[in-house]
Structures are given as C-alpha cells and as structure tokens.
Protein backbone atom coordinates (compact mmCIF):
# COMPACT_ATOMS: atom_id res chain seq x y z
CA MET A 1 -15.90 0.93 10.73
CA LEU A 2 -13.50 3.57 12.38
CA GLU A 3 -11.57 3.63 9.18
CA SER A 4 -14.27 4.38 7.03
CA SER A 5 -15.56 7.13 9.22
CA THR A 6 -11.77 8.68 9.46
CA ARG A 7 -10.85 8.01 6.04
CA VAL A 8 -10.14 11.01 3.57
CA PRO A 9 -11.47 10.74 0.02
CA LEU A 10 -9.46 10.49 -2.49
CA SER A 11 -9.59 13.70 -5.58
CA PRO A 12 -9.46 11.89 -9.05
CA ILE A 13 -6.10 13.06 -9.53
CA ASP A 14 -4.63 11.00 -6.59
CA GLU A 15 -7.72 8.33 -8.00
CA ALA A 16 -6.32 8.16 -11.21
CA LYS A 17 -2.25 7.86 -9.97
CA MET A 18 -3.65 4.83 -7.88
CA LEU A 19 -4.89 3.26 -10.74
CA ASN A 20 -2.09 3.75 -12.80
CA ASN A 21 -0.12 2.06 -10.20
CA LEU A 22 -2.69 -0.71 -10.16
CA VAL A 23 -2.78 -1.06 -13.52
CA LYS A 24 0.98 -1.59 -13.94
CA HIS A 25 0.75 -4.29 -11.20
CA PHE A 26 -1.98 -6.14 -12.26
CA GLY A 27 -1.75 -5.44 -16.11
CA THR A 28 -4.86 -4.12 -17.82
CA ILE A 29 -7.59 -1.94 -17.26
CA SER A 30 -9.65 -5.15 -17.41
CA ASN A 31 -7.65 -6.79 -14.49
CA VAL A 32 -7.86 -3.51 -12.35
CA SER A 33 -11.71 -3.39 -13.32
CA VAL A 34 -12.47 -6.85 -11.88
CA LYS A 35 -10.23 -6.14 -8.23
CA ILE A 36 -11.81 -2.86 -7.77
CA GLN A 37 -15.42 -3.91 -8.74
CA ARG A 38 -15.50 -0.72 -11.59
CA SER A 39 -15.96 -0.45 -14.85
CA GLY A 40 -13.35 -0.38 -17.26
CA SER A 41 -14.63 2.85 -18.99
CA TRP A 42 -14.58 4.55 -15.56
CA ILE A 43 -10.89 3.78 -14.88
CA TYR A 44 -10.09 4.57 -18.44
CA GLN A 45 -11.49 8.03 -18.00
CA ARG A 46 -9.53 8.38 -14.30
CA LEU A 47 -6.52 7.78 -16.22
CA LYS A 48 -6.73 10.20 -18.98
CA LEU A 49 -6.85 12.88 -16.16
CA LEU A 50 -2.93 12.16 -16.15
CA ASN A 51 -2.84 13.52 -19.73
CA LEU A 52 -4.39 16.95 -18.57
CA SER A 53 -1.61 19.46 -18.23
CA GLU A 54 -0.02 20.45 -14.22
CA GLU A 55 -2.36 23.44 -14.07
CA THR A 56 -5.66 21.69 -14.92
CA GLN A 57 -4.71 18.92 -12.33
CA LYS A 58 -3.83 20.80 -9.80
CA LYS A 59 -7.51 22.42 -10.74
CA VAL A 60 -9.16 19.08 -10.36
CA HIS A 61 -7.14 18.34 -7.52
CA SER A 62 -8.75 21.09 -5.51
CA GLY A 63 -11.87 20.62 -6.87
CA GLU A 64 -11.90 24.04 -8.64
CA LEU A 65 -13.01 22.04 -11.45
CA SER A 66 -14.65 18.49 -12.02
CA PRO A 67 -12.99 15.71 -13.91
CA THR A 68 -15.92 15.91 -16.65
CA LYS A 69 -14.99 19.73 -17.08
CA ALA A 70 -11.41 18.94 -17.47
CA LEU A 71 -11.61 16.01 -19.83
CA GLU A 72 -14.35 17.81 -22.38
CA PRO A 73 -12.59 18.92 -25.14
C-alpha cells in the first residue's frame, strides 16, 4: 500500500521507453501484452511516441501535448 501511494506516475514517453525495453526482453508486443495485461494496440501506440521528434516528445513528456494529439497526422 505504501508503495502505490508514493509512486510517481510515468509520462507517456517514459512508458514508451519502458515498453521498448520490455519488447526487447520478451521478444514481441504480444508477449509484453500478456505480461503487463495491456492490449497490443495500446503498447503499439505508446511505442509510436518514440518516433516523434525530440521537441514533440518533450511536449508529451511535460503534459503540454497529449499522446493522442501528438500522433495525429
């Protein structure tokens, strides 16, 4: 209980970096999906954030720009 009350939420960019490491470790998005109990499409969308420019990633990281808006064409 103490751990969850003091945990700082990850930014979407931090989540994407963590997921990228998990995919490297477990081999596929599908394997990671099972391990973390999130859909493969959610993981894929987070990973796409790593393809954004550094400037856009900073805006997403700071909360200035939502992940959804950042990924719009």
